[in-house]
Amino acid sequence: MPYFVRFILGNLATLNNVDELSEFPADITPLDRLALHRVATFATEVAAAFDSRQPNLVVLRTLNYLASDLSAGYFTIVKDR
């Protein structure tokens, strides 16, 4: 199992309530803001690829997002929080 999948599942294991996902702390860091911006961009790109019926682009964007933005970037920085 890739590192980032274990990291995500490990963090979700401590989630007590699904409503916690919609609440952002007031003191969110600039790095977290950047990560939220990137996931919004990713979601827009994937939705456009779905709408244009390009499943290969959906897979490509998803793999690039998981490997580049999350695993190589964000998770590497925040794993020691």
PDB file of N, CA and C in Angstrom:
ATOM      1  N   MET A   1       0.851  -1.177   0.000  1.00  0.00           N
ATOM      2  CA  MET A   1       0.000   0.000   0.000  1.00  0.00           C
ATOM      3  C   MET A   1       0.892   1.234   0.000  1.00  0.00           C
ATOM      4  N   PRO A   2       0.608   2.187  -0.888  1.00  0.00           N
ATOM      5  CA  PRO A   2       1.438   3.394  -0.931  1.00  0.00           C
ATOM      6  C   PRO A   2       1.409   4.143   0.394  1.00  0.00           C
ATOM      7  N   TYR A   3       2.474   4.852   0.644  1.00  0.00           N
ATOM      8  CA  TYR A   3       2.642   5.596   1.887  1.00  0.00           C
ATOM      9  C   TYR A   3       1.479   6.548   2.143  1.00  0.00           C
ATOM     10  N   PHE A   4       1.078   7.309   1.109  1.00  0.00           N
ATOM     11  CA  PHE A   4       0.059   8.326   1.323  1.00  0.00           C
ATOM     12  C   PHE A   4      -1.291   7.726   1.680  1.00  0.00           C
ATOM     13  N   VAL A   5      -1.586   6.519   1.218  1.00  0.00           N
ATOM     14  CA  VAL A   5      -2.860   5.883   1.553  1.00  0.00           C
ATOM     15  C   VAL A   5      -2.869   5.514   3.038  1.00  0.00           C
ATOM     16  N   ARG A   6      -1.773   4.964   3.519  1.00  0.00           N
ATOM     17  CA  ARG A   6      -1.677   4.638   4.944  1.00  0.00           C
ATOM     18  C   ARG A   6      -1.778   5.895   5.799  1.00  0.00           C
ATOM     19  N   PHE A   7      -1.149   6.970   5.342  1.00  0.00           N
ATOM     20  CA  PHE A   7      -1.176   8.235   6.067  1.00  0.00           C
ATOM     21  C   PHE A   7      -2.602   8.765   6.167  1.00  0.00           C
ATOM     22  N   ILE A   8      -3.331   8.754   5.049  1.00  0.00           N
ATOM     23  CA  ILE A   8      -4.714   9.239   5.035  1.00  0.00           C
ATOM     24  C   ILE A   8      -5.595   8.384   5.941  1.00  0.00           C
ATOM     25  N   LEU A   9      -5.498   7.068   5.801  1.00  0.00           N
ATOM     26  CA  LEU A   9      -6.324   6.177   6.612  1.00  0.00           C
ATOM     27  C   LEU A   9      -6.003   6.298   8.093  1.00  0.00           C
ATOM     28  N   GLY A  10      -4.736   6.464   8.418  1.00  0.00           N
ATOM     29  CA  GLY A  10      -4.340   6.639   9.811  1.00  0.00           C
ATOM     30  C   GLY A  10      -4.918   7.904  10.415  1.00  0.00           C
ATOM     31  N   ASN A  11      -4.976   8.980   9.641  1.00  0.00           N
ATOM     32  CA  ASN A  11      -5.553  10.227  10.139  1.00  0.00           C
ATOM     33  C   ASN A  11      -7.070  10.170  10.206  1.00  0.00           C
ATOM     34  N   LEU A  12      -7.691   9.431   9.323  1.00  0.00           N
ATOM     35  CA  LEU A  12      -9.142   9.307   9.363  1.00  0.00           C
ATOM     36  C   LEU A  12      -9.605   8.420  10.514  1.00  0.00           C
ATOM     37  N   ALA A  13      -8.721   7.563  11.014  1.00  0.00           N
ATOM     38  CA  ALA A  13      -9.084   6.667  12.109  1.00  0.00           C
ATOM     39  C   ALA A  13      -9.403   7.450  13.378  1.00  0.00           C
ATOM     40  N   THR A  14      -8.840   8.646  13.520  1.00  0.00           N
ATOM     41  CA  THR A  14      -9.086   9.465  14.713  1.00  0.00           C
ATOM     42  C   THR A  14     -10.286  10.388  14.546  1.00  0.00           C
ATOM     43  N   LEU A  15     -10.926  10.347  13.395  1.00  0.00           N
ATOM     44  CA  LEU A  15     -12.090  11.200  13.140  1.00  0.00           C
ATOM     45  C   LEU A  15     -13.285  10.668  13.918  1.00  0.00           C
ATOM     46  N   ASN A  16     -13.841  11.508  14.771  1.00  0.00           N
ATOM     47  CA  ASN A  16     -14.965  11.092  15.604  1.00  0.00           C
ATOM     48  C   ASN A  16     -16.314  11.360  14.966  1.00  0.00           C
ATOM     49  N   ASN A  17     -16.381  12.391  14.159  1.00  0.00           N
ATOM     50  CA  ASN A  17     -17.661  12.822  13.625  1.00  0.00           C
ATOM     51  C   ASN A  17     -17.443  13.349  12.208  1.00  0.00           C
ATOM     52  N   VAL A  18     -18.282  12.978  11.283  1.00  0.00           N
ATOM     53  CA  VAL A  18     -18.135  13.420   9.900  1.00  0.00           C
ATOM     54  C   VAL A  18     -18.290  14.931   9.796  1.00  0.00           C
ATOM     55  N   ASP A  19     -19.027  15.543  10.709  1.00  0.00           N
ATOM     56  CA  ASP A  19     -19.204  16.994  10.690  1.00  0.00           C
ATOM     57  C   ASP A  19     -17.897  17.728  10.918  1.00  0.00           C
ATOM     58  N   GLU A  20     -16.900  17.071  11.507  1.00  0.00           N
ATOM     59  CA  GLU A  20     -15.603  17.699  11.721  1.00  0.00           C
ATOM     60  C   GLU A  20     -14.924  18.031  10.399  1.00  0.00           C
ATOM     61  N   LEU A  21     -15.297  17.333   9.333  1.00  0.00           N
ATOM     62  CA  LEU A  21     -14.669  17.578   8.043  1.00  0.00           C
ATOM     63  C   LEU A  21     -15.053  18.921   7.443  1.00  0.00           C
ATOM     64  N   SER A  22     -16.198  19.455   7.808  1.00  0.00           N
ATOM     65  CA  SER A  22     -16.644  20.721   7.244  1.00  0.00           C
ATOM     66  C   SER A  22     -16.234  21.921   8.083  1.00  0.00           C
ATOM     67  N   GLU A  23     -15.617  21.690   9.214  1.00  0.00           N
ATOM     68  CA  GLU A  23     -15.211  22.778  10.098  1.00  0.00           C
ATOM     69  C   GLU A  23     -13.716  23.020   9.981  1.00  0.00           C
ATOM     70  N   PHE A  24     -13.343  24.240   9.619  1.00  0.00           N
ATOM     71  CA  PHE A  24     -11.934  24.590   9.524  1.00  0.00           C
ATOM     72  C   PHE A  24     -11.567  25.450  10.713  1.00  0.00           C
ATOM     73  N   PRO A  25     -10.405  25.207  11.285  1.00  0.00           N
ATOM     74  CA  PRO A  25      -9.991  26.037  12.415  1.00  0.00           C
ATOM     75  C   PRO A  25      -9.720  27.470  11.961  1.00  0.00           C
ATOM     76  N   ALA A  26      -9.888  28.397  12.868  1.00  0.00           N
ATOM     77  CA  ALA A  26      -9.659  29.812  12.544  1.00  0.00           C
ATOM     78  C   ALA A  26      -8.186  30.091  12.276  1.00  0.00           C
ATOM     79  N   ASP A  27      -7.315  29.300  12.872  1.00  0.00           N
ATOM     80  CA  ASP A  27      -5.875  29.537  12.735  1.00  0.00           C
ATOM     81  C   ASP A  27      -5.246  28.588  11.707  1.00  0.00           C
ATOM     82  N   ILE A  28      -5.917  28.372  10.586  1.00  0.00           N
ATOM     83  CA  ILE A  28      -5.409  27.471   9.561  1.00  0.00           C
ATOM     84  C   ILE A  28      -4.110  28.059   8.978  1.00  0.00           C
ATOM     85  N   THR A  29      -3.132  27.210   8.765  1.00  0.00           N
ATOM     86  CA  THR A  29      -1.824  27.663   8.312  1.00  0.00           C
ATOM     87  C   THR A  29      -1.842  27.964   6.816  1.00  0.00           C
ATOM     88  N   PRO A  30      -0.903  28.776   6.353  1.00  0.00           N
ATOM     89  CA  PRO A  30      -0.812  29.047   4.912  1.00  0.00           C
ATOM     90  C   PRO A  30      -0.594  27.769   4.095  1.00  0.00           C
ATOM     91  N   LEU A  31       0.140  26.820   4.640  1.00  0.00           N
ATOM     92  CA  LEU A  31       0.353  25.562   3.930  1.00  0.00           C
ATOM     93  C   LEU A  31      -0.960  24.800   3.772  1.00  0.00           C
ATOM     94  N   ASP A  32      -1.782  24.809   4.808  1.00  0.00           N
ATOM     95  CA  ASP A  32      -3.082  24.154   4.723  1.00  0.00           C
ATOM     96  C   ASP A  32      -4.006  24.874   3.746  1.00  0.00           C
ATOM     97  N   ARG A  33      -3.917  26.202   3.715  1.00  0.00           N
ATOM     98  CA  ARG A  33      -4.701  26.963   2.738  1.00  0.00           C
ATOM     99  C   ARG A  33      -4.279  26.596   1.315  1.00  0.00           C
ATOM    100  N   LEU A  34      -2.990  26.464   1.102  1.00  0.00           N
ATOM    101  CA  LEU A  34      -2.490  26.062  -0.212  1.00  0.00           C
ATOM    102  C   LEU A  34      -2.997  24.666  -0.574  1.00  0.00           C
ATOM    103  N   ALA A  35      -2.969  23.759   0.375  1.00  0.00           N
ATOM    104  CA  ALA A  35      -3.449  22.396   0.125  1.00  0.00           C
ATOM    105  C   ALA A  35      -4.939  22.403  -0.219  1.00  0.00           C
ATOM    106  N   LEU A  36      -5.728  23.221   0.457  1.00  0.00           N
ATOM    107  CA  LEU A  36      -7.153  23.323   0.146  1.00  0.00           C
ATOM    108  C   LEU A  36      -7.379  23.926  -1.235  1.00  0.00           C
ATOM    109  N   HIS A  37      -6.548  24.893  -1.601  1.00  0.00           N
ATOM    110  CA  HIS A  37      -6.641  25.464  -2.947  1.00  0.00           C
ATOM    111  C   HIS A  37      -6.321  24.413  -4.005  1.00  0.00           C
ATOM    112  N   ARG A  38      -5.275  23.616  -3.758  1.00  0.00           N
ATOM    113  CA  ARG A  38      -4.887  22.581  -4.722  1.00  0.00           C
ATOM    114  C   ARG A  38      -5.952  21.508  -4.854  1.00  0.00           C
ATOM    115  N   VAL A  39      -6.607  21.125  -3.761  1.00  0.00           N
ATOM    116  CA  VAL A  39      -7.654  20.106  -3.863  1.00  0.00           C
ATOM    117  C   VAL A  39      -8.868  20.675  -4.595  1.00  0.00           C
ATOM    118  N   ALA A  40      -9.153  21.957  -4.432  1.00  0.00           N
ATOM    119  CA  ALA A  40     -10.252  22.564  -5.179  1.00  0.00           C
ATOM    120  C   ALA A  40      -9.931  22.609  -6.674  1.00  0.00           C
ATOM    121  N   THR A  41      -8.698  22.937  -7.011  1.00  0.00           N
ATOM    122  CA  THR A  41      -8.269  22.935  -8.414  1.00  0.00           C
ATOM    123  C   THR A  41      -8.342  21.535  -8.993  1.00  0.00           C
ATOM    124  N   PHE A  42      -7.877  20.570  -8.224  1.00  0.00           N
ATOM    125  CA  PHE A  42      -7.928  19.167  -8.652  1.00  0.00           C
ATOM    126  C   PHE A  42      -9.370  18.731  -8.900  1.00  0.00           C
ATOM    127  N   ALA A  43     -10.264  19.066  -7.991  1.00  0.00           N
ATOM    128  CA  ALA A  43     -11.662  18.670  -8.132  1.00  0.00           C
ATOM    129  C   ALA A  43     -12.284  19.291  -9.378  1.00  0.00           C
ATOM    130  N   THR A  44     -11.945  20.531  -9.674  1.00  0.00           N
ATOM    131  CA  THR A  44     -12.458  21.200 -10.869  1.00  0.00           C
ATOM    132  C   THR A  44     -11.951  20.527 -12.134  1.00  0.00           C
ATOM    133  N   GLU A  45     -10.648  20.194 -12.157  1.00  0.00           N
ATOM    134  CA  GLU A  45     -10.062  19.531 -13.326  1.00  0.00           C
ATOM    135  C   GLU A  45     -10.672  18.157 -13.558  1.00  0.00           C
ATOM    136  N   VAL A  46     -10.875  17.409 -12.486  1.00  0.00           N
ATOM    137  CA  VAL A  46     -11.442  16.063 -12.608  1.00  0.00           C
ATOM    138  C   VAL A  46     -12.909  16.136 -13.037  1.00  0.00           C
ATOM    139  N   ALA A  47     -13.650  17.092 -12.497  1.00  0.00           N
ATOM    140  CA  ALA A  47     -15.050  17.239 -12.901  1.00  0.00           C
ATOM    141  C   ALA A  47     -15.146  17.589 -14.386  1.00  0.00           C
ATOM    142  N   ALA A  48     -14.261  18.456 -14.860  1.00  0.00           N
ATOM    143  CA  ALA A  48     -14.260  18.810 -16.280  1.00  0.00           C
ATOM    144  C   ALA A  48     -13.910  17.601 -17.149  1.00  0.00           C
ATOM    145  N   ALA A  49     -12.974  16.790 -16.687  1.00  0.00           N
ATOM    146  CA  ALA A  49     -12.598  15.589 -17.439  1.00  0.00           C
ATOM    147  C   ALA A  49     -13.753  14.586 -17.468  1.00  0.00           C
ATOM    148  N   PHE A  50     -14.470  14.459 -16.361  1.00  0.00           N
ATOM    149  CA  PHE A  50     -15.660  13.587 -16.345  1.00  0.00           C
ATOM    150  C   PHE A  50     -16.716  14.102 -17.315  1.00  0.00           C
ATOM    151  N   ASP A  51     -16.953  15.408 -17.283  1.00  0.00           N
ATOM    152  CA  ASP A  51     -17.969  15.992 -18.154  1.00  0.00           C
ATOM    153  C   ASP A  51     -17.639  15.808 -19.633  1.00  0.00           C
ATOM    154  N   SER A  52     -16.347  15.850 -19.956  1.00  0.00           N
ATOM    155  CA  SER A  52     -15.943  15.681 -21.357  1.00  0.00           C
ATOM    156  C   SER A  52     -15.673  14.223 -21.709  1.00  0.00           C
ATOM    157  N   ARG A  53     -16.018  13.337 -20.789  1.00  0.00           N
ATOM    158  CA  ARG A  53     -15.905  11.892 -21.000  1.00  0.00           C
ATOM    159  C   ARG A  53     -14.473  11.462 -21.370  1.00  0.00           C
ATOM    160  N   GLN A  54     -13.525  11.896 -20.528  1.00  0.00           N
ATOM    161  CA  GLN A  54     -12.119  11.543 -20.707  1.00  0.00           C
ATOM    162  C   GLN A  54     -11.612  10.815 -19.458  1.00  0.00           C
ATOM    163  N   PRO A  55     -11.940   9.529 -19.330  1.00  0.00           N
ATOM    164  CA  PRO A  55     -11.529   8.801 -18.124  1.00  0.00           C
ATOM    165  C   PRO A  55     -10.012   8.701 -17.973  1.00  0.00           C
ATOM    166  N   ASN A  56      -9.307   8.694 -19.090  1.00  0.00           N
ATOM    167  CA  ASN A  56      -7.850   8.642 -18.990  1.00  0.00           C
ATOM    168  C   ASN A  56      -7.293   9.899 -18.325  1.00  0.00           C
ATOM    169  N   LEU A  57      -7.915  11.046 -18.591  1.00  0.00           N
ATOM    170  CA  LEU A  57      -7.486  12.290 -17.965  1.00  0.00           C
ATOM    171  C   LEU A  57      -7.838  12.310 -16.478  1.00  0.00           C
ATOM    172  N   VAL A  58      -8.956  11.706 -16.114  1.00  0.00           N
ATOM    173  CA  VAL A  58      -9.345  11.597 -14.703  1.00  0.00           C
ATOM    174  C   VAL A  58      -8.283  10.808 -13.938  1.00  0.00           C
ATOM    175  N   VAL A  59      -7.895   9.672 -14.497  1.00  0.00           N
ATOM    176  CA  VAL A  59      -6.880   8.836 -13.846  1.00  0.00           C
ATOM    177  C   VAL A  59      -5.547   9.566 -13.776  1.00  0.00           C
ATOM    178  N   LEU A  60      -5.151  10.214 -14.862  1.00  0.00           N
ATOM    179  CA  LEU A  60      -3.876  10.937 -14.893  1.00  0.00           C
ATOM    180  C   LEU A  60      -3.848  12.054 -13.860  1.00  0.00           C
ATOM    181  N   ARG A  61      -4.911  12.862 -13.813  1.00  0.00           N
ATOM    182  CA  ARG A  61      -4.965  13.960 -12.840  1.00  0.00           C
ATOM    183  C   ARG A  61      -4.963  13.432 -11.404  1.00  0.00           C
ATOM    184  N   THR A  62      -5.683  12.344 -11.167  1.00  0.00           N
ATOM    185  CA  THR A  62      -5.754  11.775  -9.820  1.00  0.00           C
ATOM    186  C   THR A  62      -4.385  11.255  -9.383  1.00  0.00           C
ATOM    187  N   LEU A  63      -3.722  10.507 -10.237  1.00  0.00           N
ATOM    188  CA  LEU A  63      -2.396   9.990  -9.897  1.00  0.00           C
ATOM    189  C   LEU A  63      -1.391  11.115  -9.675  1.00  0.00           C
ATOM    190  N   ASN A  64      -1.432  12.125 -10.542  1.00  0.00           N
ATOM    191  CA  ASN A  64      -0.520  13.260 -10.370  1.00  0.00           C
ATOM    192  C   ASN A  64      -0.789  14.004  -9.072  1.00  0.00           C
ATOM    193  N   TYR A  65      -2.062  14.185  -8.745  1.00  0.00           N
ATOM    194  CA  TYR A  65      -2.401  14.882  -7.502  1.00  0.00           C
ATOM    195  C   TYR A  65      -1.927  14.096  -6.282  1.00  0.00           C
ATOM    196  N   LEU A  66      -2.206  12.802  -6.267  1.00  0.00           N
ATOM    197  CA  LEU A  66      -1.811  11.985  -5.122  1.00  0.00           C
ATOM    198  C   LEU A  66      -0.297  11.887  -4.978  1.00  0.00           C
ATOM    199  N   ALA A  67       0.390  11.689  -6.082  1.00  0.00           N
ATOM    200  CA  ALA A  67       1.837  11.490  -6.012  1.00  0.00           C
ATOM    201  C   ALA A  67       2.600  12.798  -5.836  1.00  0.00           C
ATOM    202  N   SER A  68       2.198  13.834  -6.556  1.00  0.00           N
ATOM    203  CA  SER A  68       2.960  15.088  -6.525  1.00  0.00           C
ATOM    204  C   SER A  68       2.514  16.020  -5.409  1.00  0.00           C
ATOM    205  N   ASP A  69       1.252  16.374  -5.412  1.00  0.00           N
ATOM    206  CA  ASP A  69       0.792  17.369  -4.446  1.00  0.00           C
ATOM    207  C   ASP A  69       0.720  16.818  -3.031  1.00  0.00           C
ATOM    208  N   LEU A  70       0.110  15.669  -2.870  1.00  0.00           N
ATOM    209  CA  LEU A  70      -0.067  15.137  -1.522  1.00  0.00           C
ATOM    210  C   LEU A  70       1.179  14.438  -0.998  1.00  0.00           C
ATOM    211  N   SER A  71       1.583  13.381  -1.651  1.00  0.00           N
ATOM    212  CA  SER A  71       2.653  12.553  -1.113  1.00  0.00           C
ATOM    213  C   SER A  71       4.000  13.263  -1.104  1.00  0.00           C
ATOM    214  N   ALA A  72       4.402  13.808  -2.230  1.00  0.00           N
ATOM    215  CA  ALA A  72       5.720  14.433  -2.320  1.00  0.00           C
ATOM    216  C   ALA A  72       5.754  15.819  -1.687  1.00  0.00           C
ATOM    217  N   GLY A  73       4.621  16.449  -1.559  1.00  0.00           N
ATOM    218  CA  GLY A  73       4.600  17.802  -1.022  1.00  0.00           C
ATOM    219  C   GLY A  73       4.018  17.895   0.360  1.00  0.00           C
ATOM    220  N   TYR A  74       2.720  17.912   0.437  1.00  0.00           N
ATOM    221  CA  TYR A  74       2.018  18.208   1.687  1.00  0.00           C
ATOM    222  C   TYR A  74       2.295  17.190   2.786  1.00  0.00           C
ATOM    223  N   PHE A  75       2.163  15.915   2.491  1.00  0.00           N
ATOM    224  CA  PHE A  75       2.345  14.888   3.529  1.00  0.00           C
ATOM    225  C   PHE A  75       3.784  14.852   4.058  1.00  0.00           C
ATOM    226  N   THR A  76       4.743  15.121   3.195  1.00  0.00           N
ATOM    227  CA  THR A  76       6.140  15.145   3.638  1.00  0.00           C
ATOM    228  C   THR A  76       6.364  16.247   4.660  1.00  0.00           C
ATOM    229  N   ILE A  77       5.706  17.371   4.464  1.00  0.00           N
ATOM    230  CA  ILE A  77       5.893  18.502   5.363  1.00  0.00           C
ATOM    231  C   ILE A  77       5.120  18.330   6.665  1.00  0.00           C
ATOM    232  N   VAL A  78       3.882  17.842   6.602  1.00  0.00           N
ATOM    233  CA  VAL A  78       3.033  17.816   7.796  1.00  0.00           C
ATOM    234  C   VAL A  78       3.124  16.527   8.602  1.00  0.00           C
ATOM    235  N   LYS A  79       3.881  15.569   8.174  1.00  0.00           N
ATOM    236  CA  LYS A  79       3.897  14.288   8.894  1.00  0.00           C
ATOM    237  C   LYS A  79       4.458  14.413  10.308  1.00  0.00           C
ATOM    238  N   ASP A  80       5.231  15.442  10.579  1.00  0.00           N
ATOM    239  CA  ASP A  80       5.824  15.606  11.903  1.00  0.00           C
ATOM    240  C   ASP A  80       5.051  16.563  12.812  1.00  0.00           C
ATOM    241  N   ARG A  81       3.851  16.926  12.429  1.00  0.00           N
ATOM    242  CA  ARG A  81       3.040  17.828  13.260  1.00  0.00           C
ATOM    243  C   ARG A  81       2.631  17.161  14.531  1.00  0.00           C
TER     244      ARG A  81
END
